[in-house]
Amino acid sequence: MTDILMPKATAVWLVDNTSLTFEQIADFCGLHPLEVKGIADGEVARDIRGADPIANGQLSREQLDAAQASDKYRMVAQKSRHAELLKPVKKAPRYTPVSRRQDRPDAIAWFIRNHPEVADSQIARLLGTTKATIDQVRNRQHWNAANIKPVDPVTLGLSTQLELDAVVRKAADKKAKDDAKRGIVEPDGATLEPASVTGAAQITGADQVEDVADDASYEDDDDAED
């Protein structure tokens, strides 16, 4: 069954302009009969303006007449002629000028080196490339691998700074959430360094040598007094 556009507004119009039963209107609009009764009583959808289902192509006049002639008749919604206009428009793939396409491997290499947390799908969408090309650059199997140098996409003119920042921020947020789920927490401050790095081990050893030497001198003094 085709979903009704603006079901409550359609129900308001049918209540005000037809002799259909609450059940017929509820079935057609996908509402509960008590909700339709509330519309008729002025308790529900008081501020909603009615929408004519015949005018917008969701209901034929023949169906409406048949339903008004018999309370057992159930109307079937038709596909609205406005439905195509209300569909979300899918964003077209990014177009990259021919003169810039040879620079995309450099931008891919920049992402791989500096932002490995960015997913291949995000890189492909931002640069207008394919996952296969990204894999070739990552594995150094690209035909021009010897000449590929990491360069950020803004410098190459393949994206704006705002677009790049948005992609990196989104990937960083996702990584942080994934790390939190796995219990990985980044340290907030400086951590203790090993004694071999700080030199504490050598200082401790020197102190021990001095202590041994002092003990030996005390023993010599005692022997001399005896």
Protein backbone atom coordinates (compact mmCIF):
# COMPACT_ATOMS: atom_id res chain seq x y z
CA MET A 1 0.00 0.00 0.00
CA THR A 2 1.28 3.46 -0.93
CA ASP A 3 1.97 5.70 2.05
CA ILE A 4 -0.14 8.82 2.26
CA LEU A 5 1.58 12.19 2.08
CA MET A 6 0.54 14.36 5.03
CA PRO A 7 -1.86 11.77 6.54
CA LYS A 8 -3.33 14.06 9.22
CA ALA A 9 -3.87 16.90 6.76
CA THR A 10 -5.56 14.44 4.40
CA ALA A 11 -7.74 13.14 7.24
CA VAL A 12 -8.75 16.72 8.11
CA TRP A 13 -9.89 17.31 4.52
CA LEU A 14 -11.83 14.02 4.35
CA VAL A 15 -13.57 14.73 7.65
CA ASP A 16 -14.57 18.24 6.52
CA ASN A 17 -15.55 17.43 2.92
CA THR A 18 -16.91 13.87 2.79
CA SER A 19 -19.37 11.59 4.52
CA LEU A 20 -16.83 8.77 5.02
CA THR A 21 -16.79 6.87 8.28
CA PHE A 22 -13.99 7.23 10.76
CA GLU A 23 -12.84 3.70 9.94
CA GLN A 24 -12.66 4.41 6.21
CA ILE A 25 -10.64 7.58 6.74
CA ALA A 26 -8.39 5.86 9.29
CA ASP A 27 -7.65 2.96 6.91
CA PHE A 28 -6.89 5.28 4.04
CA CYS A 29 -4.66 7.63 6.05
CA GLY A 30 -2.96 5.03 8.23
CA LEU A 31 -4.38 6.50 11.45
CA HIS A 32 -6.35 5.08 14.38
CA PRO A 33 -10.15 5.55 14.22
CA LEU A 34 -10.06 7.33 17.60
CA GLU A 35 -7.53 9.77 16.18
CA VAL A 36 -9.87 10.51 13.29
CA LYS A 37 -12.73 10.97 15.78
CA GLY A 38 -10.51 13.42 17.66
CA ILE A 39 -10.00 15.36 14.41
CA ALA A 40 -13.78 15.47 13.88
CA ASP A 41 -14.32 16.66 17.46
CA GLY A 42 -11.69 19.37 17.08
CA GLU A 43 -9.40 17.86 19.70
CA VAL A 44 -6.69 16.71 17.29
CA ALA A 45 -4.93 18.59 14.45
CA ARG A 46 -6.80 21.83 15.08
CA ASP A 47 -4.04 23.90 13.49
CA ILE A 48 -3.52 21.62 10.49
CA ARG A 49 -4.86 22.75 7.15
CA GLY A 50 -6.64 20.06 5.14
CA ALA A 51 -4.95 18.55 2.08
CA ASP A 52 -7.11 17.42 -0.83
CA PRO A 53 -6.02 13.87 -1.80
CA ILE A 54 -7.82 14.16 -5.13
CA ALA A 55 -6.01 17.35 -6.08
CA ASN A 56 -2.59 15.89 -5.26
CA GLY A 57 -3.32 12.65 -7.10
CA GLN A 58 -3.50 10.25 -4.15
CA LEU A 59 -7.19 9.44 -4.54
CA SER A 60 -9.52 9.23 -7.52
CA ARG A 61 -13.00 10.72 -7.56
CA GLU A 62 -14.41 7.31 -8.47
CA GLN A 63 -12.94 5.70 -5.35
CA LEU A 64 -14.24 8.50 -3.14
CA ASP A 65 -17.76 8.21 -4.58
CA ALA A 66 -17.73 4.44 -4.13
CA ALA A 67 -16.57 4.77 -0.52
CA GLN A 68 -19.25 7.32 0.29
CA ALA A 69 -21.88 5.00 -1.21
CA SER A 70 -20.79 2.03 0.95
CA ASP A 71 -19.17 2.17 4.38
CA LYS A 72 -17.62 -1.26 3.68
CA TYR A 73 -15.63 0.05 0.74
CA ARG A 74 -11.97 0.71 1.43
CA MET A 75 -10.07 3.23 -0.65
CA VAL A 76 -6.58 2.49 -1.94
CA ALA A 77 -4.06 5.30 -2.17
CA GLN A 78 -2.46 6.02 -5.52
CA LYS A 79 1.07 7.20 -6.05
CA SER A 80 1.05 10.98 -5.79
CA ARG A 81 2.32 12.95 -8.76
CA HIS A 82 4.25 15.01 -6.24
CA ALA A 83 6.05 11.98 -4.78
CA GLU A 84 8.98 12.27 -7.20
CA LEU A 85 9.51 15.90 -6.20
CA LEU A 86 9.62 14.96 -2.50
CA LYS A 87 12.25 12.26 -2.93
CA PRO A 88 15.65 13.18 -1.50
CA VAL A 89 18.07 13.96 -4.27
CA LYS A 90 21.10 11.69 -4.16
CA LYS A 91 24.31 13.66 -4.21
CA ALA A 92 26.19 13.12 -7.42
CA PRO A 93 29.79 11.90 -7.26
CA ARG A 94 32.33 14.68 -6.95
CA TYR A 95 33.57 15.84 -10.33
CA THR A 96 37.31 16.34 -10.56
CA PRO A 97 38.69 18.31 -13.52
CA VAL A 98 40.88 16.31 -15.85
CA SER A 99 43.86 18.53 -15.06
CA ARG A 100 43.57 17.65 -11.37
CA ARG A 101 42.95 13.91 -11.62
CA GLN A 102 46.65 13.09 -11.80
CA ASP A 103 47.04 14.72 -8.37
CA ARG A 104 44.61 12.44 -6.59
CA PRO A 105 47.20 9.71 -5.76
CA ASP A 106 49.27 12.37 -3.95
CA ALA A 107 46.24 13.34 -1.88
CA ILE A 108 45.47 9.69 -1.16
CA ALA A 109 49.04 9.17 0.04
CA TRP A 110 48.67 12.20 2.31
CA PHE A 111 45.59 10.70 3.95
CA ILE A 112 47.27 7.31 4.37
CA ARG A 113 50.32 8.86 6.04
CA ASN A 114 48.69 11.58 8.16
CA HIS A 115 45.15 10.38 8.84
CA PRO A 116 44.93 6.57 8.73
CA GLU A 117 41.72 6.80 10.79
CA VAL A 118 39.85 8.23 7.80
CA ALA A 119 37.93 5.44 6.06
CA ASP A 120 38.54 4.64 2.41
CA SER A 121 34.91 5.44 1.63
CA GLN A 122 35.38 8.97 3.04
CA ILE A 123 38.55 9.50 1.03
CA ALA A 124 36.86 8.23 -2.13
CA ARG A 125 33.89 10.54 -1.61
CA LEU A 126 36.01 13.60 -0.87
CA LEU A 127 38.50 13.14 -3.72
CA GLY A 128 36.16 11.61 -6.28
CA THR A 129 38.26 8.47 -6.56
CA THR A 130 37.72 4.73 -6.02
CA LYS A 131 38.63 2.28 -3.27
CA ALA A 132 40.64 0.29 -5.80
CA THR A 133 42.88 3.29 -6.47
CA ILE A 134 43.30 3.87 -2.73
CA ASP A 135 44.36 0.24 -2.25
CA GLN A 136 46.87 0.55 -5.09
CA VAL A 137 48.44 3.65 -3.53
CA ARG A 138 48.49 2.07 -0.06
CA ASN A 139 50.13 -1.13 -1.33
CA ARG A 140 52.44 0.78 -3.71
CA GLN A 141 50.97 -1.05 -6.68
CA HIS A 142 49.91 2.12 -8.46
CA TRP A 143 51.37 2.50 -11.95
CA ASN A 144 52.97 5.79 -10.88
CA ALA A 145 53.95 4.71 -7.35
CA ALA A 146 57.57 5.86 -7.73
CA ASN A 147 56.47 9.48 -8.28
CA ILE A 148 53.67 9.72 -5.69
CA LYS A 149 54.37 12.23 -2.92
CA PRO A 150 51.95 12.98 -0.04
CA VAL A 151 50.34 16.39 -0.57
CA ASP A 152 47.21 17.60 1.23
CA PRO A 153 44.08 17.85 -0.96
CA VAL A 154 43.53 21.55 -0.18
CA THR A 155 46.90 22.48 -1.65
CA LEU A 156 46.11 20.38 -4.71
CA GLY A 157 42.73 22.07 -5.10
CA LEU A 158 40.82 18.79 -4.70
CA SER A 159 38.81 19.97 -1.67
CA THR A 160 38.21 22.98 0.51
CA GLN A 161 39.67 23.33 3.99
CA LEU A 162 36.18 23.11 5.51
CA GLU A 163 35.49 19.83 3.73
CA LEU A 164 38.83 18.39 4.80
CA ASP A 165 38.33 19.46 8.42
CA ALA A 166 34.86 17.93 8.49
CA VAL A 167 36.10 14.57 7.18
CA VAL A 168 39.03 14.43 9.62
CA ARG A 169 36.85 15.47 12.56
CA LYS A 170 34.21 12.86 11.75
CA ALA A 171 36.83 10.11 11.50
CA ALA A 172 38.47 11.21 14.77
CA ASP A 173 35.13 11.17 16.60
CA LYS A 174 34.37 7.68 15.31
CA LYS A 175 37.83 6.45 16.36
CA ALA A 176 37.37 7.92 19.83
CA LYS A 177 34.02 6.17 20.23
CA ASP A 178 35.45 2.86 19.01
CA ASP A 179 38.41 3.18 21.38
CA ALA A 180 36.07 3.94 24.27
CA LYS A 181 34.06 0.81 23.53
CA ARG A 182 37.25 -1.25 23.59
CA GLY A 183 38.38 0.41 26.80
CA ILE A 184 41.33 2.22 25.23
CA VAL A 185 41.91 5.57 26.92
CA GLU A 186 44.52 8.07 25.77
CA PRO A 187 46.66 9.45 28.64
CA ASP A 188 45.79 13.04 29.55
CA GLY A 189 49.17 14.13 30.89
CA ALA A 190 52.81 13.15 30.83
CA THR A 191 53.55 9.60 31.83
CA LEU A 192 56.46 8.33 33.94
CA GLU A 193 59.52 7.52 31.90
CA PRO A 194 61.70 4.44 32.49
CA ALA A 195 64.58 4.81 34.89
CA SER A 196 67.02 3.99 32.10
CA VAL A 197 65.80 7.11 30.28
CA THR A 198 65.71 9.52 33.21
CA GLY A 199 69.10 8.41 34.60
CA ALA A 200 67.59 7.43 37.97
CA ALA A 201 69.16 4.00 37.75
CA GLN A 202 72.65 5.42 37.43
CA ILE A 203 72.12 7.83 40.33
CA THR A 204 70.83 5.04 42.53
CA GLY A 205 73.85 2.88 41.68
CA ALA A 206 76.27 5.70 42.50
CA ASP A 207 74.59 6.28 45.84
CA GLN A 208 74.94 2.60 46.66
CA VAL A 209 78.69 2.71 45.85
CA GLU A 210 79.15 5.73 48.13
CA ASP A 211 77.23 4.01 50.92
CA VAL A 212 79.45 0.92 50.65
CA ALA A 213 82.58 3.10 50.73
CA ASP A 214 81.36 4.95 53.83
CA ASP A 215 80.61 1.68 55.61
CA ALA A 216 84.12 0.42 54.81
CA SER A 217 85.74 3.59 56.20
CA TYR A 218 83.78 3.27 59.42
CA GLU A 219 84.95 -0.31 59.82
CA ASP A 220 88.60 0.75 59.31
CA ASP A 221 88.27 3.43 61.99
CA ASP A 222 86.84 0.93 64.45
CA ASP A 223 89.70 -1.48 63.79
CA ALA A 224 92.24 1.29 64.33
CA GLU A 225 90.74 2.19 67.72
CA ASP A 226 90.80 -1.44 68.83
